[in-house]
Amino acid sequence: MASVSASHMILFIASILVATSVAGVLTNTVGDLSNAIDDTGLQVSDDVRTDVEIISDSGSDAVYNDTEGNITLYLKNTGSSRLRPGSSAVDVLVNGQYETDVTVTLLGDAATWGPGEVVRLDISEPLSTNEDHRVQLTVNGDEEVFQFNT
């Protein structure tokens, strides 16, 4: 009878150790998952509050300068969040090619690109004339497309 009690005691202690290990792993996993959901929620919140509009006129001759090979676009922050006005805040594709020679100039007196404020994008990219062209801009996940003819 004593040997049965000892073997039951050993199995009971082993089952408690296994249950504790499983509970520890599950607690860490749930904690990591919770942190990931919080981070994703903050990113989605930033994306939702970000909205920009291209306010340039696609029929205007001011969009593309033939002599300098320069595209000039005006973007207005129509969202509710303040954005960084630097060129690293805007991803630019011209006719499907990623552009790195982009200058972003904040118009007005503000230090950050707030709601209702406008920036000027100068994109150095020589284009062929009498053709349709497409510029895609991405700011914090918000994508805008601008099509024009040179």
N, C-alpha and C. Protein backbone atom coordinates (compact mmCIF):
# COMPACT_ATOMS: atom_id res chain seq x y z
N MET A 1 0.80 -1.18 0.00
CA MET A 1 0.00 0.00 0.00
C MET A 1 0.86 1.26 0.00
N ALA A 2 1.98 1.25 0.67
CA ALA A 2 2.88 2.38 0.71
C ALA A 2 3.50 2.63 -0.64
N SER A 3 3.75 1.57 -1.42
CA SER A 3 4.36 1.75 -2.74
C SER A 3 3.37 2.40 -3.70
N VAL A 4 2.09 2.11 -3.54
CA VAL A 4 1.06 2.72 -4.39
C VAL A 4 0.97 4.20 -4.07
N SER A 5 1.00 4.59 -2.80
CA SER A 5 0.93 5.99 -2.40
C SER A 5 2.14 6.75 -2.90
N ALA A 6 3.33 6.15 -2.86
CA ALA A 6 4.55 6.81 -3.33
C ALA A 6 4.49 7.03 -4.84
N SER A 7 4.02 6.03 -5.59
CA SER A 7 3.94 6.19 -7.04
C SER A 7 2.87 7.22 -7.42
N HIS A 8 1.78 7.28 -6.65
CA HIS A 8 0.76 8.30 -6.89
C HIS A 8 1.31 9.69 -6.60
N MET A 9 2.11 9.79 -5.54
CA MET A 9 2.71 11.07 -5.17
C MET A 9 3.67 11.54 -6.26
N ILE A 10 4.48 10.63 -6.82
CA ILE A 10 5.44 10.98 -7.88
C ILE A 10 4.68 11.44 -9.13
N LEU A 11 3.62 10.71 -9.51
CA LEU A 11 2.82 11.11 -10.68
C LEU A 11 2.13 12.45 -10.46
N PHE A 12 1.66 12.68 -9.23
CA PHE A 12 1.01 13.95 -8.91
C PHE A 12 1.99 15.11 -9.03
N ILE A 13 3.19 14.98 -8.50
CA ILE A 13 4.22 16.03 -8.57
C ILE A 13 4.63 16.26 -10.02
N ALA A 14 4.79 15.19 -10.80
CA ALA A 14 5.15 15.32 -12.21
C ALA A 14 4.06 16.06 -12.98
N SER A 15 2.81 15.74 -12.72
CA SER A 15 1.71 16.41 -13.43
C SER A 15 1.64 17.89 -13.05
N ILE A 16 1.93 18.22 -11.80
CA ILE A 16 1.95 19.63 -11.37
C ILE A 16 3.07 20.37 -12.09
N LEU A 17 4.25 19.75 -12.21
CA LEU A 17 5.38 20.38 -12.91
C LEU A 17 5.05 20.61 -14.39
N VAL A 18 4.44 19.65 -15.04
CA VAL A 18 4.07 19.79 -16.45
C VAL A 18 3.04 20.90 -16.61
N ALA A 19 2.04 20.93 -15.74
CA ALA A 19 1.00 21.95 -15.82
C ALA A 19 1.57 23.35 -15.61
N THR A 20 2.52 23.48 -14.68
CA THR A 20 3.17 24.76 -14.43
C THR A 20 3.97 25.21 -15.64
N SER A 21 4.68 24.29 -16.27
CA SER A 21 5.46 24.62 -17.46
C SER A 21 4.56 25.08 -18.60
N VAL A 22 3.48 24.36 -18.83
CA VAL A 22 2.55 24.72 -19.89
C VAL A 22 1.92 26.08 -19.60
N ALA A 23 1.54 26.33 -18.37
CA ALA A 23 0.95 27.61 -18.00
C ALA A 23 1.93 28.75 -18.22
N GLY A 24 3.21 28.54 -17.91
CA GLY A 24 4.23 29.57 -18.12
C GLY A 24 4.42 29.89 -19.59
N VAL A 25 4.46 28.87 -20.42
CA VAL A 25 4.61 29.09 -21.86
C VAL A 25 3.39 29.81 -22.42
N LEU A 26 2.20 29.40 -22.02
CA LEU A 26 0.99 30.04 -22.51
C LEU A 26 0.91 31.50 -22.06
N THR A 27 1.33 31.78 -20.84
CA THR A 27 1.31 33.15 -20.34
C THR A 27 2.23 34.03 -21.16
N ASN A 28 3.44 33.55 -21.45
CA ASN A 28 4.38 34.33 -22.27
C ASN A 28 3.84 34.53 -23.68
N THR A 29 3.25 33.50 -24.25
CA THR A 29 2.71 33.59 -25.61
C THR A 29 1.56 34.58 -25.67
N VAL A 30 0.67 34.53 -24.70
CA VAL A 30 -0.46 35.48 -24.66
C VAL A 30 0.06 36.90 -24.47
N GLY A 31 1.08 37.09 -23.65
CA GLY A 31 1.67 38.41 -23.45
C GLY A 31 2.28 38.95 -24.73
N ASP A 32 3.02 38.11 -25.46
CA ASP A 32 3.62 38.52 -26.73
C ASP A 32 2.55 38.87 -27.75
N LEU A 33 1.51 38.07 -27.82
CA LEU A 33 0.41 38.31 -28.74
C LEU A 33 -0.30 39.62 -28.41
N SER A 34 -0.49 39.88 -27.13
CA SER A 34 -1.13 41.12 -26.71
C SER A 34 -0.30 42.34 -27.11
N ASN A 35 1.02 42.27 -26.93
CA ASN A 35 1.90 43.37 -27.32
C ASN A 35 1.87 43.58 -28.83
N ALA A 36 1.84 42.50 -29.60
CA ALA A 36 1.79 42.61 -31.06
C ALA A 36 0.49 43.27 -31.51
N ILE A 37 -0.61 42.92 -30.87
CA ILE A 37 -1.90 43.52 -31.22
C ILE A 37 -1.90 45.00 -30.86
N ASP A 38 -1.32 45.38 -29.73
CA ASP A 38 -1.23 46.79 -29.35
C ASP A 38 -0.42 47.57 -30.37
N ASP A 39 0.74 47.03 -30.79
CA ASP A 39 1.58 47.71 -31.77
C ASP A 39 0.87 47.87 -33.10
N THR A 40 0.18 46.83 -33.53
CA THR A 40 -0.55 46.88 -34.79
C THR A 40 -1.69 47.89 -34.70
N GLY A 41 -2.35 47.94 -33.56
CA GLY A 41 -3.44 48.90 -33.36
C GLY A 41 -2.96 50.33 -33.46
N LEU A 42 -1.78 50.63 -32.91
CA LEU A 42 -1.22 51.98 -33.00
C LEU A 42 -0.88 52.33 -34.45
N GLN A 43 -0.31 51.37 -35.18
CA GLN A 43 0.04 51.61 -36.58
C GLN A 43 -1.22 51.85 -37.42
N VAL A 44 -2.25 51.03 -37.20
CA VAL A 44 -3.50 51.20 -37.94
C VAL A 44 -4.13 52.55 -37.60
N SER A 45 -4.04 52.96 -36.35
CA SER A 45 -4.58 54.25 -35.93
C SER A 45 -3.88 55.39 -36.67
N ASP A 46 -2.54 55.30 -36.79
CA ASP A 46 -1.80 56.32 -37.55
C ASP A 46 -2.21 56.31 -39.02
N ASP A 47 -2.39 55.13 -39.58
CA ASP A 47 -2.79 55.02 -40.98
C ASP A 47 -4.17 55.62 -41.22
N VAL A 48 -5.09 55.40 -40.29
CA VAL A 48 -6.45 55.91 -40.44
C VAL A 48 -6.47 57.43 -40.34
N ARG A 49 -5.67 57.99 -39.46
CA ARG A 49 -5.64 59.44 -39.28
C ARG A 49 -4.86 60.15 -40.38
N THR A 50 -4.13 59.40 -41.21
CA THR A 50 -3.34 59.99 -42.27
C THR A 50 -4.13 60.01 -43.57
N ASP A 51 -4.25 61.19 -44.15
CA ASP A 51 -4.89 61.33 -45.45
C ASP A 51 -4.28 62.54 -46.14
N VAL A 52 -3.79 62.34 -47.35
CA VAL A 52 -3.25 63.44 -48.15
C VAL A 52 -3.95 63.43 -49.50
N GLU A 53 -4.01 64.59 -50.10
CA GLU A 53 -4.61 64.75 -51.42
C GLU A 53 -3.65 65.52 -52.30
N ILE A 54 -3.52 65.09 -53.55
CA ILE A 54 -2.74 65.83 -54.52
C ILE A 54 -3.65 66.92 -55.07
N ILE A 55 -3.24 68.18 -54.89
CA ILE A 55 -4.09 69.29 -55.30
C ILE A 55 -3.57 69.96 -56.57
N SER A 56 -2.56 69.40 -57.20
CA SER A 56 -2.05 69.94 -58.46
C SER A 56 -3.05 69.66 -59.58
N ASP A 57 -3.05 70.53 -60.58
CA ASP A 57 -3.93 70.39 -61.75
C ASP A 57 -3.20 69.59 -62.82
N SER A 58 -3.75 68.44 -63.18
CA SER A 58 -3.07 67.57 -64.15
C SER A 58 -3.01 68.17 -65.54
N GLY A 59 -3.82 69.15 -65.85
CA GLY A 59 -3.79 69.78 -67.16
C GLY A 59 -2.89 71.00 -67.22
N SER A 60 -2.28 71.35 -66.11
CA SER A 60 -1.44 72.55 -66.05
C SER A 60 -0.04 72.28 -66.58
N ASP A 61 0.55 73.31 -67.20
CA ASP A 61 1.93 73.20 -67.66
C ASP A 61 2.92 73.32 -66.50
N ALA A 62 2.44 73.70 -65.32
CA ALA A 62 3.32 73.87 -64.16
C ALA A 62 3.72 72.55 -63.52
N VAL A 63 3.09 71.44 -63.91
CA VAL A 63 3.40 70.15 -63.31
C VAL A 63 4.78 69.66 -63.75
N TYR A 64 5.09 69.80 -65.03
CA TYR A 64 6.37 69.29 -65.55
C TYR A 64 7.13 70.41 -66.26
N ASN A 65 8.40 70.58 -65.88
CA ASN A 65 9.29 71.56 -66.49
C ASN A 65 10.20 70.83 -67.46
N ASP A 66 10.01 71.04 -68.76
CA ASP A 66 10.79 70.34 -69.79
C ASP A 66 12.28 70.66 -69.71
N THR A 67 12.62 71.92 -69.46
CA THR A 67 14.04 72.31 -69.50
C THR A 67 14.82 71.75 -68.32
N GLU A 68 14.21 71.66 -67.15
CA GLU A 68 14.91 71.14 -65.97
C GLU A 68 14.66 69.67 -65.72
N GLY A 69 13.66 69.08 -66.38
CA GLY A 69 13.31 67.68 -66.13
C GLY A 69 12.81 67.48 -64.71
N ASN A 70 11.88 68.34 -64.30
CA ASN A 70 11.43 68.39 -62.91
C ASN A 70 9.90 68.33 -62.84
N ILE A 71 9.38 67.42 -62.00
CA ILE A 71 7.94 67.32 -61.74
C ILE A 71 7.65 68.04 -60.43
N THR A 72 6.66 68.92 -60.42
CA THR A 72 6.28 69.65 -59.21
C THR A 72 4.83 69.32 -58.88
N LEU A 73 4.62 68.77 -57.68
CA LEU A 73 3.27 68.44 -57.21
C LEU A 73 3.02 69.09 -55.87
N TYR A 74 1.77 69.44 -55.61
CA TYR A 74 1.37 70.00 -54.33
C TYR A 74 0.48 69.00 -53.62
N LEU A 75 0.82 68.73 -52.34
CA LEU A 75 0.05 67.79 -51.53
C LEU A 75 -0.52 68.52 -50.32
N LYS A 76 -1.78 68.25 -50.02
CA LYS A 76 -2.43 68.84 -48.86
C LYS A 76 -2.73 67.75 -47.84
N ASN A 77 -2.41 68.01 -46.59
CA ASN A 77 -2.71 67.09 -45.50
C ASN A 77 -4.18 67.28 -45.13
N THR A 78 -5.02 66.32 -45.55
CA THR A 78 -6.46 66.40 -45.25
C THR A 78 -6.85 65.48 -44.09
N GLY A 79 -5.85 64.85 -43.47
CA GLY A 79 -6.11 63.98 -42.33
C GLY A 79 -6.10 64.76 -41.03
N SER A 80 -6.08 64.03 -39.93
CA SER A 80 -6.11 64.68 -38.61
C SER A 80 -4.78 64.61 -37.87
N SER A 81 -3.77 63.97 -38.45
CA SER A 81 -2.49 63.85 -37.75
C SER A 81 -1.43 64.74 -38.41
N ARG A 82 -0.44 65.11 -37.61
CA ARG A 82 0.70 65.88 -38.12
C ARG A 82 1.68 64.90 -38.73
N LEU A 83 2.27 65.29 -39.85
CA LEU A 83 3.19 64.43 -40.58
C LEU A 83 4.56 65.08 -40.67
N ARG A 84 5.58 64.23 -40.87
CA ARG A 84 6.93 64.76 -41.09
C ARG A 84 6.99 65.28 -42.53
N PRO A 85 7.48 66.50 -42.73
CA PRO A 85 7.49 67.04 -44.08
C PRO A 85 8.72 66.64 -44.90
N GLY A 86 9.60 65.81 -44.40
CA GLY A 86 10.81 65.44 -45.13
C GLY A 86 10.56 64.47 -46.25
N SER A 87 11.57 64.31 -47.11
CA SER A 87 11.43 63.42 -48.26
C SER A 87 11.37 61.95 -47.84
N SER A 88 11.82 61.63 -46.63
CA SER A 88 11.74 60.24 -46.16
C SER A 88 10.31 59.85 -45.76
N ALA A 89 9.43 60.83 -45.61
CA ALA A 89 8.04 60.55 -45.22
C ALA A 89 7.17 60.21 -46.41
N VAL A 90 7.65 60.48 -47.63
CA VAL A 90 6.86 60.27 -48.83
C VAL A 90 7.61 59.31 -49.75
N ASP A 91 6.96 58.21 -50.13
CA ASP A 91 7.51 57.30 -51.13
C ASP A 91 6.93 57.69 -52.48
N VAL A 92 7.82 57.82 -53.47
CA VAL A 92 7.40 58.32 -54.78
C VAL A 92 7.76 57.30 -55.86
N LEU A 93 6.77 56.98 -56.69
CA LEU A 93 6.98 56.15 -57.88
C LEU A 93 6.56 56.98 -59.09
N VAL A 94 7.47 57.09 -60.07
CA VAL A 94 7.15 57.77 -61.32
C VAL A 94 7.20 56.72 -62.42
N ASN A 95 6.06 56.50 -63.05
CA ASN A 95 5.94 55.47 -64.10
C ASN A 95 6.48 54.12 -63.62
N GLY A 96 6.22 53.80 -62.36
CA GLY A 96 6.61 52.51 -61.80
C GLY A 96 8.03 52.45 -61.27
N GLN A 97 8.80 53.52 -61.38
CA GLN A 97 10.19 53.55 -60.89
C GLN A 97 10.26 54.33 -59.58
N TYR A 98 10.91 53.74 -58.58
CA TYR A 98 11.06 54.40 -57.27
C TYR A 98 12.02 55.57 -57.41
N GLU A 99 11.64 56.71 -56.89
CA GLU A 99 12.44 57.92 -57.00
C GLU A 99 13.07 58.29 -55.66
N THR A 100 14.35 58.61 -55.68
CA THR A 100 15.05 59.04 -54.47
C THR A 100 15.42 60.52 -54.51
N ASP A 101 15.45 61.12 -55.70
CA ASP A 101 15.79 62.54 -55.83
C ASP A 101 14.52 63.37 -55.71
N VAL A 102 14.00 63.44 -54.47
CA VAL A 102 12.74 64.13 -54.18
C VAL A 102 12.99 65.17 -53.10
N THR A 103 12.52 66.38 -53.33
CA THR A 103 12.62 67.45 -52.34
C THR A 103 11.22 67.82 -51.88
N VAL A 104 11.02 67.82 -50.56
CA VAL A 104 9.72 68.19 -49.99
C VAL A 104 9.89 69.52 -49.26
N THR A 105 9.09 70.51 -49.65
CA THR A 105 9.16 71.83 -49.04
C THR A 105 7.81 72.17 -48.42
N LEU A 106 7.82 72.45 -47.13
CA LEU A 106 6.60 72.83 -46.42
C LEU A 106 6.29 74.29 -46.72
N LEU A 107 5.11 74.54 -47.22
CA LEU A 107 4.70 75.91 -47.53
C LEU A 107 4.05 76.52 -46.30
N GLY A 108 4.45 77.72 -45.95
CA GLY A 108 3.92 78.38 -44.77
C GLY A 108 4.97 78.43 -43.67
N ASP A 109 4.52 78.77 -42.46
CA ASP A 109 5.42 79.01 -41.34
C ASP A 109 5.57 77.85 -40.38
N ALA A 110 4.80 76.79 -40.53
CA ALA A 110 4.80 75.69 -39.56
C ALA A 110 6.06 74.84 -39.69
N ALA A 111 6.41 74.16 -38.59
CA ALA A 111 7.58 73.28 -38.58
C ALA A 111 7.22 71.84 -38.95
N THR A 112 5.95 71.49 -38.76
CA THR A 112 5.50 70.15 -39.15
C THR A 112 4.33 70.30 -40.11
N TRP A 113 4.05 69.23 -40.82
CA TRP A 113 3.00 69.22 -41.85
C TRP A 113 1.68 68.88 -41.18
N GLY A 114 0.98 69.90 -40.72
CA GLY A 114 -0.26 69.70 -39.98
C GLY A 114 -1.47 69.62 -40.88
N PRO A 115 -2.63 69.31 -40.31
CA PRO A 115 -3.87 69.24 -41.08
C PRO A 115 -4.16 70.56 -41.79
N GLY A 116 -4.52 70.48 -43.06
CA GLY A 116 -4.83 71.66 -43.85
C GLY A 116 -3.63 72.34 -44.47
N GLU A 117 -2.42 71.89 -44.16
CA GLU A 117 -1.23 72.53 -44.70
C GLU A 117 -0.75 71.82 -45.96
N VAL A 118 0.01 72.54 -46.78
CA VAL A 118 0.42 72.06 -48.10
C VAL A 118 1.93 71.96 -48.17
N VAL A 119 2.40 70.91 -48.85
CA VAL A 119 3.82 70.76 -49.17
C VAL A 119 3.99 70.71 -50.68
N ARG A 120 5.17 71.14 -51.14
CA ARG A 120 5.51 71.05 -52.56
C ARG A 120 6.54 69.95 -52.74
N LEU A 121 6.27 69.03 -53.65
CA LEU A 121 7.20 67.97 -53.98
C LEU A 121 7.87 68.32 -55.30
N ASP A 122 9.19 68.33 -55.31
CA ASP A 122 9.95 68.51 -56.54
C ASP A 122 10.66 67.20 -56.81
N ILE A 123 10.30 66.57 -57.93
CA ILE A 123 10.84 65.27 -58.29
C ILE A 123 11.70 65.45 -59.53
N SER A 124 12.97 65.16 -59.40
CA SER A 124 13.88 65.29 -60.53
C SER A 124 13.85 64.01 -61.36
N GLU A 125 13.12 64.08 -62.49
CA GLU A 125 12.98 62.90 -63.35
C GLU A 125 12.67 63.37 -64.77
N PRO A 126 13.65 63.26 -65.68
CA PRO A 126 13.37 63.64 -67.07
C PRO A 126 12.35 62.68 -67.69
N LEU A 127 11.35 63.24 -68.36
CA LEU A 127 10.29 62.44 -68.96
C LEU A 127 10.23 62.71 -70.46
N SER A 128 9.78 61.73 -71.21
CA SER A 128 9.58 61.93 -72.64
C SER A 128 8.31 62.74 -72.84
N THR A 129 8.31 63.55 -73.89
CA THR A 129 7.18 64.44 -74.12
C THR A 129 6.09 63.75 -74.94
N ASN A 130 4.91 64.33 -74.89
CA ASN A 130 3.72 63.84 -75.57
C ASN A 130 3.36 62.41 -75.18
N GLU A 131 3.52 62.10 -73.91
CA GLU A 131 3.14 60.78 -73.39
C GLU A 131 2.41 60.96 -72.06
N ASP A 132 1.64 59.94 -71.70
CA ASP A 132 0.98 59.93 -70.40
C ASP A 132 1.95 59.42 -69.35
N HIS A 133 1.92 60.04 -68.18
CA HIS A 133 2.79 59.64 -67.07
C HIS A 133 1.96 59.49 -65.81
N ARG A 134 2.51 58.74 -64.88
CA ARG A 134 1.79 58.42 -63.64
C ARG A 134 2.75 58.56 -62.46
N VAL A 135 2.31 59.27 -61.43
CA VAL A 135 3.06 59.42 -60.19
C VAL A 135 2.22 58.84 -59.07
N GLN A 136 2.81 57.91 -58.31
CA GLN A 136 2.12 57.34 -57.15
C GLN A 136 2.88 57.79 -55.91
N LEU A 137 2.14 58.35 -54.95
CA LEU A 137 2.71 58.83 -53.69
C LEU A 137 2.13 58.01 -52.55
N THR A 138 2.99 57.63 -51.60
CA THR A 138 2.54 56.89 -50.42
C THR A 138 3.04 57.62 -49.18
N VAL A 139 2.11 58.00 -48.30
CA VAL A 139 2.43 58.66 -47.03
C VAL A 139 1.74 57.89 -45.93
N ASN A 140 2.50 57.24 -45.04
CA ASN A 140 1.94 56.46 -43.93
C ASN A 140 0.85 55.49 -44.39
N GLY A 141 1.05 54.85 -45.51
CA GLY A 141 0.09 53.87 -46.00
C GLY A 141 -1.01 54.45 -46.87
N ASP A 142 -1.16 55.78 -46.90
CA ASP A 142 -2.16 56.41 -47.75
C ASP A 142 -1.56 56.60 -49.15
N GLU A 143 -2.20 56.02 -50.16
CA GLU A 143 -1.69 56.09 -51.53
C GLU A 143 -2.54 57.03 -52.37
N GLU A 144 -1.85 57.85 -53.13
CA GLU A 144 -2.50 58.76 -54.07
C GLU A 144 -1.84 58.59 -55.43
N VAL A 145 -2.62 58.68 -56.49
CA VAL A 145 -2.11 58.53 -57.85
C VAL A 145 -2.43 59.80 -58.63
N PHE A 146 -1.44 60.27 -59.38
CA PHE A 146 -1.59 61.47 -60.21
C PHE A 146 -1.16 61.13 -61.62
N GLN A 147 -2.05 61.37 -62.58
CA GLN A 147 -1.74 61.09 -63.98
C GLN A 147 -1.76 62.39 -64.76
N PHE A 148 -0.77 62.54 -65.65
CA PHE A 148 -0.67 63.75 -66.45
C PHE A 148 0.00 63.45 -67.78
N ASN A 149 -0.08 64.40 -68.68
CA ASN A 149 0.53 64.26 -69.99
C ASN A 149 1.54 65.39 -70.18
N THR A 150 2.71 65.04 -70.71
CA THR A 150 3.74 66.06 -70.94
C THR A 150 3.64 66.62 -72.33
